[in-house]
Amino acid sequence: MSHDQRDIGPVLVALADPTRRMLLDALLEAGEASATTLAGRLPVSRQAVAKHLQVLCDAGLVAGGRAGREVLYRVRPAPLDASARWLHELSATWRRRL
């Protein structure tokens, strides 16, 4: 198993959840936002948003930084790019074999 394959596991798990995908979309639109702000935009509690953000952070898809008393989150595209490359390579291999 290549290094990229091991790294994309948490990314694919994080992206499997529709709420986390909505959070990523909201962060992409906002640029950066707090968990409280994101909870106001989505049909989930602030506590649920915080748990989903932790999964996204653990996967490397989101990073948080302190701004006063708040933590502002923003999207980190590099792990998604690595996952997309691996999926593209896998798809190309399948097409060649079929």
PDB file of N, CA and C in Angstrom:
ATOM      1  N   MET A   1       0.850  -1.179   0.000  1.00  0.00           N
ATOM      2  CA  MET A   1       0.000   0.000   0.000  1.00  0.00           C
ATOM      3  C   MET A   1       0.893   1.238   0.000  1.00  0.00           C
ATOM      4  N   SER A   2       0.645   2.153  -0.925  1.00  0.00           N
ATOM      5  CA  SER A   2       1.470   3.346  -1.032  1.00  0.00           C
ATOM      6  C   SER A   2       1.144   4.331   0.079  1.00  0.00           C
ATOM      7  N   HIS A   3       2.032   5.281   0.256  1.00  0.00           N
ATOM      8  CA  HIS A   3       1.852   6.327   1.264  1.00  0.00           C
ATOM      9  C   HIS A   3       0.555   7.095   1.016  1.00  0.00           C
ATOM     10  N   ASP A   4       0.267   7.433  -0.249  1.00  0.00           N
ATOM     11  CA  ASP A   4      -0.961   8.161  -0.584  1.00  0.00           C
ATOM     12  C   ASP A   4      -2.206   7.379  -0.201  1.00  0.00           C
ATOM     13  N   GLN A   5      -2.191   6.064  -0.406  1.00  0.00           N
ATOM     14  CA  GLN A   5      -3.357   5.242  -0.085  1.00  0.00           C
ATOM     15  C   GLN A   5      -3.645   5.266   1.411  1.00  0.00           C
ATOM     16  N   ARG A   6      -2.620   5.218   2.237  1.00  0.00           N
ATOM     17  CA  ARG A   6      -2.820   5.267   3.687  1.00  0.00           C
ATOM     18  C   ARG A   6      -3.362   6.629   4.099  1.00  0.00           C
ATOM     19  N   ASP A   7      -2.897   7.682   3.475  1.00  0.00           N
ATOM     20  CA  ASP A   7      -3.297   9.036   3.848  1.00  0.00           C
ATOM     21  C   ASP A   7      -4.723   9.369   3.447  1.00  0.00           C
ATOM     22  N   ILE A   8      -5.245   8.737   2.419  1.00  0.00           N
ATOM     23  CA  ILE A   8      -6.577   9.122   1.946  1.00  0.00           C
ATOM     24  C   ILE A   8      -7.706   8.445   2.707  1.00  0.00           C
ATOM     25  N   GLY A   9      -7.418   7.413   3.477  1.00  0.00           N
ATOM     26  CA  GLY A   9      -8.455   6.730   4.241  1.00  0.00           C
ATOM     27  C   GLY A   9      -9.278   7.687   5.101  1.00  0.00           C
ATOM     28  N   PRO A  10      -8.631   8.482   5.960  1.00  0.00           N
ATOM     29  CA  PRO A  10      -9.397   9.423   6.779  1.00  0.00           C
ATOM     30  C   PRO A  10     -10.151  10.467   5.947  1.00  0.00           C
ATOM     31  N   VAL A  11      -9.599  10.835   4.797  1.00  0.00           N
ATOM     32  CA  VAL A  11     -10.273  11.804   3.922  1.00  0.00           C
ATOM     33  C   VAL A  11     -11.560  11.204   3.376  1.00  0.00           C
ATOM     34  N   LEU A  12     -11.476   9.962   2.889  1.00  0.00           N
ATOM     35  CA  LEU A  12     -12.660   9.326   2.331  1.00  0.00           C
ATOM     36  C   LEU A  12     -13.719   9.078   3.404  1.00  0.00           C
ATOM     37  N   VAL A  13     -13.292   8.719   4.607  1.00  0.00           N
ATOM     38  CA  VAL A  13     -14.238   8.533   5.711  1.00  0.00           C
ATOM     39  C   VAL A  13     -14.920   9.862   6.035  1.00  0.00           C
ATOM     40  N   ALA A  14     -14.136  10.926   6.102  1.00  0.00           N
ATOM     41  CA  ALA A  14     -14.700  12.246   6.417  1.00  0.00           C
ATOM     42  C   ALA A  14     -15.693  12.688   5.349  1.00  0.00           C
ATOM     43  N   LEU A  15     -15.378  12.433   4.096  1.00  0.00           N
ATOM     44  CA  LEU A  15     -16.252  12.866   2.996  1.00  0.00           C
ATOM     45  C   LEU A  15     -17.482  11.982   2.837  1.00  0.00           C
ATOM     46  N   ALA A  16     -17.499  10.832   3.475  1.00  0.00           N
ATOM     47  CA  ALA A  16     -18.640   9.923   3.346  1.00  0.00           C
ATOM     48  C   ALA A  16     -19.897  10.465   4.027  1.00  0.00           C
ATOM     49  N   ASP A  17     -19.735  11.389   4.950  1.00  0.00           N
ATOM     50  CA  ASP A  17     -20.874  11.906   5.702  1.00  0.00           C
ATOM     51  C   ASP A  17     -21.439  13.163   5.034  1.00  0.00           C
ATOM     52  N   PRO A  18     -22.732  13.208   4.736  1.00  0.00           N
ATOM     53  CA  PRO A  18     -23.319  14.371   4.053  1.00  0.00           C
ATOM     54  C   PRO A  18     -23.235  15.663   4.862  1.00  0.00           C
ATOM     55  N   THR A  19     -23.301  15.567   6.185  1.00  0.00           N
ATOM     56  CA  THR A  19     -23.192  16.783   7.004  1.00  0.00           C
ATOM     57  C   THR A  19     -21.800  17.377   6.880  1.00  0.00           C
ATOM     58  N   ARG A  20     -20.783  16.530   6.868  1.00  0.00           N
ATOM     59  CA  ARG A  20     -19.416  17.050   6.721  1.00  0.00           C
ATOM     60  C   ARG A  20     -19.205  17.651   5.339  1.00  0.00           C
ATOM     61  N   ARG A  21     -19.832  17.071   4.324  1.00  0.00           N
ATOM     62  CA  ARG A  21     -19.730  17.678   2.988  1.00  0.00           C
ATOM     63  C   ARG A  21     -20.421  19.048   2.974  1.00  0.00           C
ATOM     64  N   MET A  22     -21.547  19.171   3.672  1.00  0.00           N
ATOM     65  CA  MET A  22     -22.217  20.480   3.768  1.00  0.00           C
ATOM     66  C   MET A  22     -21.332  21.480   4.507  1.00  0.00           C
ATOM     67  N   LEU A  23     -20.648  21.021   5.551  1.00  0.00           N
ATOM     68  CA  LEU A  23     -19.728  21.906   6.277  1.00  0.00           C
ATOM     69  C   LEU A  23     -18.603  22.394   5.370  1.00  0.00           C
ATOM     70  N   LEU A  24     -18.038  21.482   4.585  1.00  0.00           N
ATOM     71  CA  LEU A  24     -16.982  21.882   3.648  1.00  0.00           C
ATOM     72  C   LEU A  24     -17.498  22.900   2.643  1.00  0.00           C
ATOM     73  N   ASP A  25     -18.695  22.676   2.109  1.00  0.00           N
ATOM     74  CA  ASP A  25     -19.290  23.631   1.171  1.00  0.00           C
ATOM     75  C   ASP A  25     -19.475  24.995   1.825  1.00  0.00           C
ATOM     76  N   ALA A  26     -19.975  25.004   3.069  1.00  0.00           N
ATOM     77  CA  ALA A  26     -20.193  26.266   3.784  1.00  0.00           C
ATOM     78  C   ALA A  26     -18.869  26.980   4.040  1.00  0.00           C
ATOM     79  N   LEU A  27     -17.834  26.224   4.392  1.00  0.00           N
ATOM     80  CA  LEU A  27     -16.523  26.841   4.621  1.00  0.00           C
ATOM     81  C   LEU A  27     -15.922  27.369   3.324  1.00  0.00           C
ATOM     82  N   LEU A  28     -16.099  26.639   2.244  1.00  0.00           N
ATOM     83  CA  LEU A  28     -15.596  27.127   0.953  1.00  0.00           C
ATOM     84  C   LEU A  28     -16.271  28.438   0.568  1.00  0.00           C
ATOM     85  N   GLU A  29     -17.562  28.527   0.836  1.00  0.00           N
ATOM     86  CA  GLU A  29     -18.307  29.738   0.510  1.00  0.00           C
ATOM     87  C   GLU A  29     -17.898  30.908   1.414  1.00  0.00           C
ATOM     88  N   ALA A  30     -17.710  30.627   2.707  1.00  0.00           N
ATOM     89  CA  ALA A  30     -17.398  31.681   3.672  1.00  0.00           C
ATOM     90  C   ALA A  30     -15.922  32.053   3.687  1.00  0.00           C
ATOM     91  N   GLY A  31     -15.057  31.142   3.301  1.00  0.00           N
ATOM     92  CA  GLY A  31     -13.620  31.387   3.426  1.00  0.00           C
ATOM     93  C   GLY A  31     -13.109  30.873   4.758  1.00  0.00           C
ATOM     94  N   GLU A  32     -13.706  31.348   5.835  1.00  0.00           N
ATOM     95  CA  GLU A  32     -13.452  30.826   7.167  1.00  0.00           C
ATOM     96  C   GLU A  32     -14.646  31.173   8.047  1.00  0.00           C
ATOM     97  N   ALA A  33     -14.876  30.341   9.058  1.00  0.00           N
ATOM     98  CA  ALA A  33     -16.030  30.555   9.926  1.00  0.00           C
ATOM     99  C   ALA A  33     -15.835  29.799  11.232  1.00  0.00           C
ATOM    100  N   SER A  34     -16.534  30.240  12.262  1.00  0.00           N
ATOM    101  CA  SER A  34     -16.520  29.557  13.549  1.00  0.00           C
ATOM    102  C   SER A  34     -17.557  28.432  13.540  1.00  0.00           C
ATOM    103  N   ALA A  35     -17.457  27.541  14.504  1.00  0.00           N
ATOM    104  CA  ALA A  35     -18.440  26.463  14.627  1.00  0.00           C
ATOM    105  C   ALA A  35     -19.834  27.035  14.872  1.00  0.00           C
ATOM    106  N   THR A  36     -19.916  28.105  15.645  1.00  0.00           N
ATOM    107  CA  THR A  36     -21.200  28.739  15.921  1.00  0.00           C
ATOM    108  C   THR A  36     -21.825  29.295  14.646  1.00  0.00           C
ATOM    109  N   THR A  37     -21.025  29.960  13.831  1.00  0.00           N
ATOM    110  CA  THR A  37     -21.515  30.501  12.566  1.00  0.00           C
ATOM    111  C   THR A  37     -21.980  29.380  11.644  1.00  0.00           C
ATOM    112  N   LEU A  38     -21.191  28.315  11.566  1.00  0.00           N
ATOM    113  CA  LEU A  38     -21.558  27.177  10.710  1.00  0.00           C
ATOM    114  C   LEU A  38     -22.845  26.516  11.195  1.00  0.00           C
ATOM    115  N   ALA A  39     -23.012  26.395  12.510  1.00  0.00           N
ATOM    116  CA  ALA A  39     -24.231  25.794  13.054  1.00  0.00           C
ATOM    117  C   ALA A  39     -25.454  26.630  12.691  1.00  0.00           C
ATOM    118  N   GLY A  40     -25.283  27.939  12.578  1.00  0.00           N
ATOM    119  CA  GLY A  40     -26.388  28.802  12.185  1.00  0.00           C
ATOM    120  C   GLY A  40     -26.783  28.640  10.730  1.00  0.00           C
ATOM    121  N   ARG A  41     -25.880  28.107   9.921  1.00  0.00           N
ATOM    122  CA  ARG A  41     -26.145  27.921   8.486  1.00  0.00           C
ATOM    123  C   ARG A  41     -26.659  26.528   8.147  1.00  0.00           C
ATOM    124  N   LEU A  42     -26.493  25.589   9.068  1.00  0.00           N
ATOM    125  CA  LEU A  42     -26.845  24.194   8.792  1.00  0.00           C
ATOM    126  C   LEU A  42     -27.886  23.698   9.789  1.00  0.00           C
ATOM    127  N   PRO A  43     -28.630  22.675   9.406  1.00  0.00           N
ATOM    128  CA  PRO A  43     -29.670  22.149  10.297  1.00  0.00           C
ATOM    129  C   PRO A  43     -29.137  21.164  11.343  1.00  0.00           C
ATOM    130  N   VAL A  44     -28.038  21.543  12.010  1.00  0.00           N
ATOM    131  CA  VAL A  44     -27.458  20.712  13.060  1.00  0.00           C
ATOM    132  C   VAL A  44     -27.035  21.606  14.232  1.00  0.00           C
ATOM    133  N   SER A  45     -26.884  20.998  15.389  1.00  0.00           N
ATOM    134  CA  SER A  45     -26.496  21.759  16.582  1.00  0.00           C
ATOM    135  C   SER A  45     -25.029  22.175  16.514  1.00  0.00           C
ATOM    136  N   ARG A  46     -24.677  23.124  17.351  1.00  0.00           N
ATOM    137  CA  ARG A  46     -23.289  23.574  17.424  1.00  0.00           C
ATOM    138  C   ARG A  46     -22.392  22.426  17.885  1.00  0.00           C
ATOM    139  N   GLN A  47     -22.892  21.601  18.814  1.00  0.00           N
ATOM    140  CA  GLN A  47     -22.118  20.464  19.310  1.00  0.00           C
ATOM    141  C   GLN A  47     -21.865  19.455  18.191  1.00  0.00           C
ATOM    142  N   ALA A  48     -22.873  19.215  17.354  1.00  0.00           N
ATOM    143  CA  ALA A  48     -22.685  18.296  16.222  1.00  0.00           C
ATOM    144  C   ALA A  48     -21.683  18.872  15.227  1.00  0.00           C
ATOM    145  N   VAL A  49     -21.784  20.177  14.981  1.00  0.00           N
ATOM    146  CA  VAL A  49     -20.826  20.834  14.080  1.00  0.00           C
ATOM    147  C   VAL A  49     -19.415  20.669  14.620  1.00  0.00           C
ATOM    148  N   ALA A  50     -19.227  20.874  15.921  1.00  0.00           N
ATOM    149  CA  ALA A  50     -17.896  20.746  16.521  1.00  0.00           C
ATOM    150  C   ALA A  50     -17.342  19.331  16.336  1.00  0.00           C
ATOM    151  N   LYS A  51     -18.184  18.318  16.515  1.00  0.00           N
ATOM    152  CA  LYS A  51     -17.724  16.935  16.332  1.00  0.00           C
ATOM    153  C   LYS A  51     -17.370  16.657  14.871  1.00  0.00           C
ATOM    154  N   HIS A  52     -18.187  17.143  13.961  1.00  0.00           N
ATOM    155  CA  HIS A  52     -17.900  16.948  12.535  1.00  0.00           C
ATOM    156  C   HIS A  52     -16.636  17.704  12.126  1.00  0.00           C
ATOM    157  N   LEU A  53     -16.454  18.896  12.660  1.00  0.00           N
ATOM    158  CA  LEU A  53     -15.237  19.663  12.357  1.00  0.00           C
ATOM    159  C   LEU A  53     -13.995  18.926  12.847  1.00  0.00           C
ATOM    160  N   GLN A  54     -14.103  18.246  13.983  1.00  0.00           N
ATOM    161  CA  GLN A  54     -12.960  17.490  14.489  1.00  0.00           C
ATOM    162  C   GLN A  54     -12.578  16.367  13.536  1.00  0.00           C
ATOM    163  N   VAL A  55     -13.567  15.681  12.983  1.00  0.00           N
ATOM    164  CA  VAL A  55     -13.289  14.620  11.999  1.00  0.00           C
ATOM    165  C   VAL A  55     -12.608  15.221  10.768  1.00  0.00           C
ATOM    166  N   LEU A  56     -13.122  16.364  10.311  1.00  0.00           N
ATOM    167  CA  LEU A  56     -12.525  17.028   9.143  1.00  0.00           C
ATOM    168  C   LEU A  56     -11.101  17.496   9.446  1.00  0.00           C
ATOM    169  N   CYS A  57     -10.871  17.979  10.660  1.00  0.00           N
ATOM    170  CA  CYS A  57      -9.515  18.384  11.057  1.00  0.00           C
ATOM    171  C   CYS A  57      -8.588  17.180  11.125  1.00  0.00           C
ATOM    172  N   ASP A  58      -9.069  16.084  11.718  1.00  0.00           N
ATOM    173  CA  ASP A  58      -8.247  14.867  11.819  1.00  0.00           C
ATOM    174  C   ASP A  58      -7.862  14.336  10.442  1.00  0.00           C
ATOM    175  N   ALA A  59      -8.736  14.530   9.457  1.00  0.00           N
ATOM    176  CA  ALA A  59      -8.453  14.094   8.083  1.00  0.00           C
ATOM    177  C   ALA A  59      -7.567  15.095   7.342  1.00  0.00           C
ATOM    178  N   GLY A  60      -7.328  16.246   7.953  1.00  0.00           N
ATOM    179  CA  GLY A  60      -6.496  17.270   7.326  1.00  0.00           C
ATOM    180  C   GLY A  60      -7.240  18.159   6.347  1.00  0.00           C
ATOM    181  N   LEU A  61      -8.562  17.987   6.242  1.00  0.00           N
ATOM    182  CA  LEU A  61      -9.345  18.767   5.276  1.00  0.00           C
ATOM    183  C   LEU A  61      -9.670  20.167   5.774  1.00  0.00           C
ATOM    184  N   VAL A  62      -9.609  20.366   7.075  1.00  0.00           N
ATOM    185  CA  VAL A  62      -9.956  21.649   7.685  1.00  0.00           C
ATOM    186  C   VAL A  62      -8.900  21.965   8.739  1.00  0.00           C
ATOM    187  N   ALA A  63      -8.589  23.239   8.876  1.00  0.00           N
ATOM    188  CA  ALA A  63      -7.682  23.698   9.926  1.00  0.00           C
ATOM    189  C   ALA A  63      -8.365  24.812  10.697  1.00  0.00           C
ATOM    190  N   GLY A  64      -8.114  24.831  11.992  1.00  0.00           N
ATOM    191  CA  GLY A  64      -8.687  25.875  12.824  1.00  0.00           C
ATOM    192  C   GLY A  64      -7.595  26.726  13.438  1.00  0.00           C
ATOM    193  N   GLY A  65      -7.888  28.009  13.562  1.00  0.00           N
ATOM    194  CA  GLY A  65      -6.944  28.926  14.191  1.00  0.00           C
ATOM    195  C   GLY A  65      -7.680  29.897  15.099  1.00  0.00           C
ATOM    196  N   ARG A  66      -7.078  30.206  16.215  1.00  0.00           N
ATOM    197  CA  ARG A  66      -7.703  31.113  17.180  1.00  0.00           C
ATOM    198  C   ARG A  66      -7.770  32.532  16.646  1.00  0.00           C
ATOM    199  N   ALA A  67      -8.917  33.137  16.912  1.00  0.00           N
ATOM    200  CA  ALA A  67      -9.137  34.560  16.615  1.00  0.00           C
ATOM    201  C   ALA A  67      -9.864  35.123  17.833  1.00  0.00           C
ATOM    202  N   GLY A  68      -9.092  35.605  18.790  1.00  0.00           N
ATOM    203  CA  GLY A  68      -9.698  36.049  20.036  1.00  0.00           C
ATOM    204  C   GLY A  68     -10.197  34.843  20.813  1.00  0.00           C
ATOM    205  N   ARG A  69     -11.492  34.858  21.140  1.00  0.00           N
ATOM    206  CA  ARG A  69     -12.063  33.743  21.902  1.00  0.00           C
ATOM    207  C   ARG A  69     -12.660  32.670  20.998  1.00  0.00           C
ATOM    208  N   GLU A  70     -12.630  32.883  19.709  1.00  0.00           N
ATOM    209  CA  GLU A  70     -13.208  31.932  18.758  1.00  0.00           C
ATOM    210  C   GLU A  70     -12.119  31.153  18.038  1.00  0.00           C
ATOM    211  N   VAL A  71     -12.522  30.020  17.498  1.00  0.00           N
ATOM    212  CA  VAL A  71     -11.673  29.277  16.575  1.00  0.00           C
ATOM    213  C   VAL A  71     -12.324  29.407  15.207  1.00  0.00           C
ATOM    214  N   LEU A  72     -11.558  29.923  14.254  1.00  0.00           N
ATOM    215  CA  LEU A  72     -12.049  30.046  12.884  1.00  0.00           C
ATOM    216  C   LEU A  72     -11.476  28.900  12.052  1.00  0.00           C
ATOM    217  N   TYR A  73     -12.354  28.246  11.329  1.00  0.00           N
ATOM    218  CA  TYR A  73     -11.980  27.090  10.512  1.00  0.00           C
ATOM    219  C   TYR A  73     -11.926  27.478   9.050  1.00  0.00           C
ATOM    220  N   ARG A  74     -11.023  26.828   8.317  1.00  0.00           N
ATOM    221  CA  ARG A  74     -10.899  27.048   6.870  1.00  0.00           C
ATOM    222  C   ARG A  74     -10.525  25.719   6.218  1.00  0.00           C
ATOM    223  N   VAL A  75     -10.818  25.614   4.936  1.00  0.00           N
ATOM    224  CA  VAL A  75     -10.561  24.382   4.187  1.00  0.00           C
ATOM    225  C   VAL A  75      -9.088  24.307   3.816  1.00  0.00           C
ATOM    226  N   ARG A  76      -8.547  23.103   3.879  1.00  0.00           N
ATOM    227  CA  ARG A  76      -7.190  22.803   3.419  1.00  0.00           C
ATOM    228  C   ARG A  76      -7.328  21.840   2.234  1.00  0.00           C
ATOM    229  N   PRO A  77      -7.025  22.271   1.021  1.00  0.00           N
ATOM    230  CA  PRO A  77      -7.286  21.441  -0.161  1.00  0.00           C
ATOM    231  C   PRO A  77      -6.287  20.310  -0.413  1.00  0.00           C
ATOM    232  N   ALA A  78      -5.100  20.348   0.157  1.00  0.00           N
ATOM    233  CA  ALA A  78      -4.061  19.368  -0.191  1.00  0.00           C
ATOM    234  C   ALA A  78      -4.506  17.917   0.006  1.00  0.00           C
ATOM    235  N   PRO A  79      -5.122  17.540   1.138  1.00  0.00           N
ATOM    236  CA  PRO A  79      -5.533  16.135   1.283  1.00  0.00           C
ATOM    237  C   PRO A  79      -6.582  15.724   0.250  1.00  0.00           C
ATOM    238  N   LEU A  80      -7.448  16.638  -0.112  1.00  0.00           N
ATOM    239  CA  LEU A  80      -8.457  16.335  -1.126  1.00  0.00           C
ATOM    240  C   LEU A  80      -7.791  16.150  -2.486  1.00  0.00           C
ATOM    241  N   ASP A  81      -6.796  16.968  -2.775  1.00  0.00           N
ATOM    242  CA  ASP A  81      -6.058  16.829  -4.030  1.00  0.00           C
ATOM    243  C   ASP A  81      -5.379  15.464  -4.124  1.00  0.00           C
ATOM    244  N   ALA A  82      -4.765  15.015  -3.023  1.00  0.00           N
ATOM    245  CA  ALA A  82      -4.095  13.706  -3.018  1.00  0.00           C
ATOM    246  C   ALA A  82      -5.113  12.586  -3.232  1.00  0.00           C
ATOM    247  N   SER A  83      -6.274  12.722  -2.614  1.00  0.00           N
ATOM    248  CA  SER A  83      -7.323  11.715  -2.785  1.00  0.00           C
ATOM    249  C   SER A  83      -7.829  11.690  -4.219  1.00  0.00           C
ATOM    250  N   ALA A  84      -8.008  12.856  -4.799  1.00  0.00           N
ATOM    251  CA  ALA A  84      -8.485  12.941  -6.184  1.00  0.00           C
ATOM    252  C   ALA A  84      -7.469  12.315  -7.137  1.00  0.00           C
ATOM    253  N   ARG A  85      -6.175  12.547  -6.896  1.00  0.00           N
ATOM    254  CA  ARG A  85      -5.134  11.932  -7.735  1.00  0.00           C
ATOM    255  C   ARG A  85      -5.196  10.414  -7.650  1.00  0.00           C
ATOM    256  N   TRP A  86      -5.320   9.883  -6.435  1.00  0.00           N
ATOM    257  CA  TRP A  86      -5.376   8.442  -6.258  1.00  0.00           C
ATOM    258  C   TRP A  86      -6.610   7.862  -6.945  1.00  0.00           C
ATOM    259  N   LEU A  87      -7.766   8.507  -6.773  1.00  0.00           N
ATOM    260  CA  LEU A  87      -8.989   8.033  -7.417  1.00  0.00           C
ATOM    261  C   LEU A  87      -8.869   8.082  -8.940  1.00  0.00           C
ATOM    262  N   HIS A  88      -8.230   9.123  -9.459  1.00  0.00           N
ATOM    263  CA  HIS A  88      -8.023   9.231 -10.906  1.00  0.00           C
ATOM    264  C   HIS A  88      -7.136   8.082 -11.404  1.00  0.00           C
ATOM    265  N   GLU A  89      -6.048   7.804 -10.678  1.00  0.00           N
ATOM    266  CA  GLU A  89      -5.152   6.706 -11.057  1.00  0.00           C
ATOM    267  C   GLU A  89      -5.881   5.366 -10.992  1.00  0.00           C
ATOM    268  N   LEU A  90      -6.691   5.172  -9.964  1.00  0.00           N
ATOM    269  CA  LEU A  90      -7.457   3.939  -9.835  1.00  0.00           C
ATOM    270  C   LEU A  90      -8.442   3.786 -10.986  1.00  0.00           C
ATOM    271  N   SER A  91      -9.124   4.857 -11.320  1.00  0.00           N
ATOM    272  CA  SER A  91     -10.083   4.837 -12.428  1.00  0.00           C
ATOM    273  C   SER A  91      -9.387   4.520 -13.748  1.00  0.00           C
ATOM    274  N   ALA A  92      -8.241   5.132 -13.973  1.00  0.00           N
ATOM    275  CA  ALA A  92      -7.494   4.880 -15.210  1.00  0.00           C
ATOM    276  C   ALA A  92      -7.055   3.419 -15.292  1.00  0.00           C
ATOM    277  N   THR A  93      -6.632   2.852 -14.177  1.00  0.00           N
ATOM    278  CA  THR A  93      -6.227   1.446 -14.150  1.00  0.00           C
ATOM    279  C   THR A  93      -7.412   0.546 -14.477  1.00  0.00           C
ATOM    280  N   TRP A  94      -8.546   0.842 -13.898  1.00  0.00           N
ATOM    281  CA  TRP A  94      -9.748   0.039 -14.183  1.00  0.00           C
ATOM    282  C   TRP A  94     -10.120   0.122 -15.658  1.00  0.00           C
ATOM    283  N   ARG A  95     -10.068   1.327 -16.231  1.00  0.00           N
ATOM    284  CA  ARG A  95     -10.428   1.483 -17.656  1.00  0.00           C
ATOM    285  C   ARG A  95      -9.483   0.678 -18.537  1.00  0.00           C
ATOM    286  N   ARG A  96      -8.196   0.669 -18.217  1.00  0.00           N
ATOM    287  CA  ARG A  96      -7.233  -0.096 -19.023  1.00  0.00           C
ATOM    288  C   ARG A  96      -7.518  -1.593 -18.939  1.00  0.00           C
ATOM    289  N   ARG A  97      -7.965  -2.057 -17.803  1.00  0.00           N
ATOM    290  CA  ARG A  97      -8.186  -3.494 -17.611  1.00  0.00           C
ATOM    291  C   ARG A  97      -9.525  -3.966 -18.154  1.00  0.00           C
ATOM    292  N   LEU A  98     -10.447  -3.059 -18.376  1.00  0.00           N
ATOM    293  CA  LEU A  98     -11.777  -3.468 -18.862  1.00  0.00           C
ATOM    294  C   LEU A  98     -11.850  -3.494 -20.351  1.00  0.00           C
TER     295      LEU A  98
END
